[in-house]
Amino acid sequence: MDSQRWGDHQYVLAAPFPTAGALIRRFVEDTCLARTLAEESPATACTMQATDDGFYLPSSDAGGIWIHADPDDAARTLYVEAWAD
């Protein structure tokens, strides 16, 4: 899914969540930390929160990044960036 109007993106990874979840979480947190250090802003918001079905990193009041198992196929993981106006 890719919505130009809202800037939403969903990527389907061909790996089960137990395998991919922690790796993608570390990538998201490391990328967030590098960006905040480059911008010299506080990095306190770079730790993903555990949810019932994966991880979530809020990026604003209106969006964030989710990593969770694909509910339609346990052999896949979803990486979702969602932003709302």
N, C-alpha and C. Protein backbone atom coordinates (compact mmCIF):
# COMPACT_ATOMS: atom_id res chain seq x y z
N MET A 1 0.85 -1.18 0.00
CA MET A 1 0.00 0.00 0.00
C MET A 1 0.89 1.23 0.00
N ASP A 2 0.53 2.19 -0.80
CA ASP A 2 1.28 3.44 -0.82
C ASP A 2 0.28 4.55 -1.12
N SER A 3 0.05 5.40 -0.18
CA SER A 3 -0.90 6.49 -0.34
C SER A 3 -0.14 7.80 -0.43
N GLN A 4 -0.11 8.40 -1.58
CA GLN A 4 0.59 9.67 -1.76
C GLN A 4 -0.08 10.79 -0.97
N ARG A 5 -1.40 10.75 -0.88
CA ARG A 5 -2.10 11.82 -0.19
C ARG A 5 -1.73 11.87 1.29
N TRP A 6 -1.69 10.71 1.94
CA TRP A 6 -1.44 10.67 3.37
C TRP A 6 0.00 10.31 3.70
N GLY A 7 0.76 9.86 2.73
CA GLY A 7 2.15 9.49 2.99
C GLY A 7 2.29 8.16 3.69
N ASP A 8 1.27 7.30 3.59
CA ASP A 8 1.31 5.99 4.23
C ASP A 8 2.04 4.99 3.34
N HIS A 9 2.81 4.12 3.98
CA HIS A 9 3.52 3.07 3.26
C HIS A 9 3.42 1.78 4.06
N GLN A 10 3.20 0.68 3.37
CA GLN A 10 3.19 -0.63 4.02
C GLN A 10 4.05 -1.56 3.19
N TYR A 11 5.01 -2.18 3.85
CA TYR A 11 5.91 -3.10 3.18
C TYR A 11 5.72 -4.49 3.77
N VAL A 12 5.64 -5.48 2.90
CA VAL A 12 5.49 -6.87 3.32
C VAL A 12 6.85 -7.53 3.20
N LEU A 13 7.36 -8.02 4.33
CA LEU A 13 8.67 -8.67 4.36
C LEU A 13 8.47 -10.18 4.34
N ALA A 14 9.23 -10.87 3.52
CA ALA A 14 9.10 -12.32 3.37
C ALA A 14 9.88 -13.04 4.46
N ALA A 15 9.56 -12.73 5.70
CA ALA A 15 10.17 -13.38 6.86
C ALA A 15 9.17 -13.32 8.00
N PRO A 16 9.08 -14.37 8.80
CA PRO A 16 8.14 -14.35 9.93
C PRO A 16 8.55 -13.34 10.98
N PHE A 17 7.57 -12.81 11.70
CA PHE A 17 7.83 -11.79 12.71
C PHE A 17 8.85 -12.23 13.76
N PRO A 18 8.81 -13.49 14.26
CA PRO A 18 9.81 -13.88 15.26
C PRO A 18 11.25 -13.76 14.73
N THR A 19 11.43 -13.88 13.42
CA THR A 19 12.76 -13.74 12.82
C THR A 19 13.09 -12.29 12.50
N ALA A 20 12.15 -11.58 11.91
CA ALA A 20 12.41 -10.22 11.40
C ALA A 20 12.12 -9.11 12.40
N GLY A 21 11.22 -9.33 13.34
CA GLY A 21 10.77 -8.26 14.23
C GLY A 21 11.89 -7.53 14.96
N ALA A 22 12.75 -8.26 15.64
CA ALA A 22 13.82 -7.63 16.42
C ALA A 22 14.84 -6.95 15.52
N LEU A 23 15.12 -7.54 14.35
CA LEU A 23 16.08 -6.93 13.42
C LEU A 23 15.56 -5.61 12.87
N ILE A 24 14.30 -5.59 12.47
CA ILE A 24 13.70 -4.36 11.94
C ILE A 24 13.57 -3.32 13.04
N ARG A 25 13.23 -3.77 14.24
CA ARG A 25 13.14 -2.84 15.38
C ARG A 25 14.48 -2.15 15.60
N ARG A 26 15.55 -2.90 15.60
CA ARG A 26 16.88 -2.32 15.82
C ARG A 26 17.23 -1.34 14.70
N PHE A 27 16.89 -1.70 13.45
CA PHE A 27 17.15 -0.81 12.32
C PHE A 27 16.39 0.51 12.49
N VAL A 28 15.10 0.44 12.85
CA VAL A 28 14.28 1.65 13.02
C VAL A 28 14.85 2.51 14.15
N GLU A 29 15.18 1.91 15.27
CA GLU A 29 15.71 2.67 16.40
C GLU A 29 17.07 3.29 16.07
N ASP A 30 17.95 2.53 15.41
CA ASP A 30 19.27 3.06 15.03
C ASP A 30 19.14 4.22 14.04
N THR A 31 18.23 4.09 13.08
CA THR A 31 18.00 5.15 12.10
C THR A 31 17.45 6.39 12.78
N CYS A 32 16.51 6.22 13.69
CA CYS A 32 15.95 7.33 14.45
C CYS A 32 17.04 8.03 15.26
N LEU A 33 17.86 7.26 15.93
CA LEU A 33 18.92 7.83 16.75
C LEU A 33 19.92 8.61 15.89
N ALA A 34 20.32 8.05 14.75
CA ALA A 34 21.25 8.74 13.86
C ALA A 34 20.65 10.06 13.37
N ARG A 35 19.36 10.04 13.03
CA ARG A 35 18.70 11.26 12.55
C ARG A 35 18.64 12.32 13.65
N THR A 36 18.28 11.92 14.87
CA THR A 36 18.17 12.91 15.94
C THR A 36 19.54 13.45 16.34
N LEU A 37 20.57 12.61 16.29
CA LEU A 37 21.91 13.10 16.60
C LEU A 37 22.39 14.08 15.53
N ALA A 38 22.10 13.79 14.26
CA ALA A 38 22.49 14.68 13.18
C ALA A 38 21.78 16.02 13.29
N GLU A 39 20.54 16.00 13.76
CA GLU A 39 19.76 17.22 13.91
C GLU A 39 19.99 17.88 15.27
N GLU A 40 20.81 17.23 16.10
CA GLU A 40 21.10 17.70 17.46
C GLU A 40 19.83 17.91 18.27
N SER A 41 18.90 16.96 18.14
CA SER A 41 17.68 17.01 18.93
C SER A 41 17.66 15.83 19.90
N PRO A 42 16.85 15.88 20.93
CA PRO A 42 16.83 14.80 21.92
C PRO A 42 16.45 13.46 21.30
N ALA A 43 17.13 12.40 21.69
CA ALA A 43 16.87 11.07 21.14
C ALA A 43 15.99 10.22 22.05
N THR A 44 15.28 10.85 22.94
CA THR A 44 14.47 10.10 23.90
C THR A 44 13.31 9.38 23.24
N ALA A 45 12.91 9.77 22.06
CA ALA A 45 11.75 9.18 21.40
C ALA A 45 12.13 8.12 20.37
N CYS A 46 13.29 7.49 20.50
CA CYS A 46 13.75 6.52 19.51
C CYS A 46 13.59 5.07 19.94
N THR A 47 12.95 4.82 21.06
CA THR A 47 12.74 3.45 21.51
C THR A 47 11.34 3.00 21.14
N MET A 48 11.25 1.93 20.37
CA MET A 48 9.95 1.41 19.97
C MET A 48 9.24 0.82 21.18
N GLN A 49 7.94 0.99 21.21
CA GLN A 49 7.12 0.46 22.30
C GLN A 49 6.59 -0.91 21.90
N ALA A 50 6.63 -1.86 22.83
CA ALA A 50 6.03 -3.16 22.58
C ALA A 50 4.51 -3.02 22.59
N THR A 51 3.85 -3.66 21.63
CA THR A 51 2.39 -3.68 21.57
C THR A 51 1.95 -5.14 21.67
N ASP A 52 0.64 -5.36 21.63
CA ASP A 52 0.12 -6.73 21.72
C ASP A 52 0.62 -7.60 20.57
N ASP A 53 0.85 -6.99 19.40
CA ASP A 53 1.23 -7.80 18.25
C ASP A 53 2.53 -7.38 17.58
N GLY A 54 3.34 -6.53 18.22
CA GLY A 54 4.59 -6.11 17.61
C GLY A 54 5.22 -4.93 18.30
N PHE A 55 5.65 -3.96 17.51
CA PHE A 55 6.32 -2.77 18.02
C PHE A 55 5.76 -1.52 17.36
N TYR A 56 5.83 -0.40 18.07
CA TYR A 56 5.32 0.88 17.56
C TYR A 56 6.25 2.00 17.99
N LEU A 57 6.55 2.88 17.04
CA LEU A 57 7.35 4.08 17.32
C LEU A 57 6.53 5.29 16.90
N PRO A 58 5.97 6.04 17.87
CA PRO A 58 5.23 7.24 17.48
C PRO A 58 6.19 8.29 16.95
N SER A 59 5.77 8.95 15.88
CA SER A 59 6.61 9.99 15.33
C SER A 59 5.96 11.36 15.47
N SER A 60 4.68 11.36 15.79
CA SER A 60 3.93 12.60 16.02
C SER A 60 2.61 12.20 16.65
N ASP A 61 1.76 13.18 16.88
CA ASP A 61 0.43 12.89 17.40
C ASP A 61 -0.43 12.16 16.36
N ALA A 62 0.00 12.22 15.10
CA ALA A 62 -0.84 11.70 14.02
C ALA A 62 -0.23 10.52 13.26
N GLY A 63 0.86 9.94 13.74
CA GLY A 63 1.41 8.83 12.98
C GLY A 63 2.59 8.18 13.64
N GLY A 64 3.10 7.18 12.96
CA GLY A 64 4.25 6.47 13.47
C GLY A 64 4.61 5.28 12.62
N ILE A 65 5.44 4.40 13.19
CA ILE A 65 5.92 3.22 12.50
C ILE A 65 5.49 2.00 13.31
N TRP A 66 4.93 1.02 12.61
CA TRP A 66 4.51 -0.23 13.23
C TRP A 66 5.27 -1.38 12.58
N ILE A 67 5.63 -2.37 13.38
CA ILE A 67 6.20 -3.62 12.89
C ILE A 67 5.39 -4.72 13.56
N HIS A 68 4.80 -5.61 12.76
CA HIS A 68 4.03 -6.70 13.34
C HIS A 68 3.86 -7.83 12.34
N ALA A 69 3.43 -8.97 12.84
CA ALA A 69 3.18 -10.13 11.98
C ALA A 69 2.04 -9.81 11.03
N ASP A 70 2.12 -10.35 9.83
CA ASP A 70 1.04 -10.20 8.86
C ASP A 70 -0.11 -11.09 9.32
N PRO A 71 -1.28 -10.52 9.61
CA PRO A 71 -2.39 -11.33 10.10
C PRO A 71 -2.89 -12.35 9.07
N ASP A 72 -2.56 -12.13 7.80
CA ASP A 72 -3.01 -13.04 6.74
C ASP A 72 -2.00 -14.14 6.42
N ASP A 73 -0.76 -13.99 6.88
CA ASP A 73 0.27 -14.98 6.57
C ASP A 73 1.37 -14.91 7.63
N ALA A 74 1.45 -15.92 8.48
CA ALA A 74 2.41 -15.92 9.58
C ALA A 74 3.86 -15.97 9.10
N ALA A 75 4.08 -16.25 7.83
CA ALA A 75 5.44 -16.30 7.28
C ALA A 75 5.92 -14.92 6.84
N ARG A 76 5.08 -13.89 7.06
CA ARG A 76 5.44 -12.54 6.63
C ARG A 76 5.36 -11.56 7.79
N THR A 77 6.11 -10.46 7.66
CA THR A 77 6.11 -9.38 8.64
C THR A 77 5.70 -8.10 7.92
N LEU A 78 4.95 -7.25 8.58
CA LEU A 78 4.56 -5.96 8.01
C LEU A 78 5.34 -4.83 8.66
N TYR A 79 5.85 -3.96 7.83
CA TYR A 79 6.51 -2.72 8.28
C TYR A 79 5.63 -1.60 7.73
N VAL A 80 5.06 -0.80 8.63
CA VAL A 80 4.07 0.19 8.23
C VAL A 80 4.47 1.56 8.73
N GLU A 81 4.48 2.54 7.82
CA GLU A 81 4.67 3.95 8.17
C GLU A 81 3.35 4.63 7.87
N ALA A 82 2.75 5.24 8.86
CA ALA A 82 1.44 5.87 8.67
C ALA A 82 1.46 7.28 9.23
N TRP A 83 0.92 8.20 8.47
CA TRP A 83 0.85 9.61 8.87
C TRP A 83 -0.54 10.11 8.51
N ALA A 84 -1.13 10.88 9.34
CA ALA A 84 -2.45 11.44 9.07
C ALA A 84 -2.41 12.94 9.24
N ASP A 85 -3.21 13.61 8.45
CA ASP A 85 -3.31 15.06 8.55
C ASP A 85 -4.44 15.45 9.47
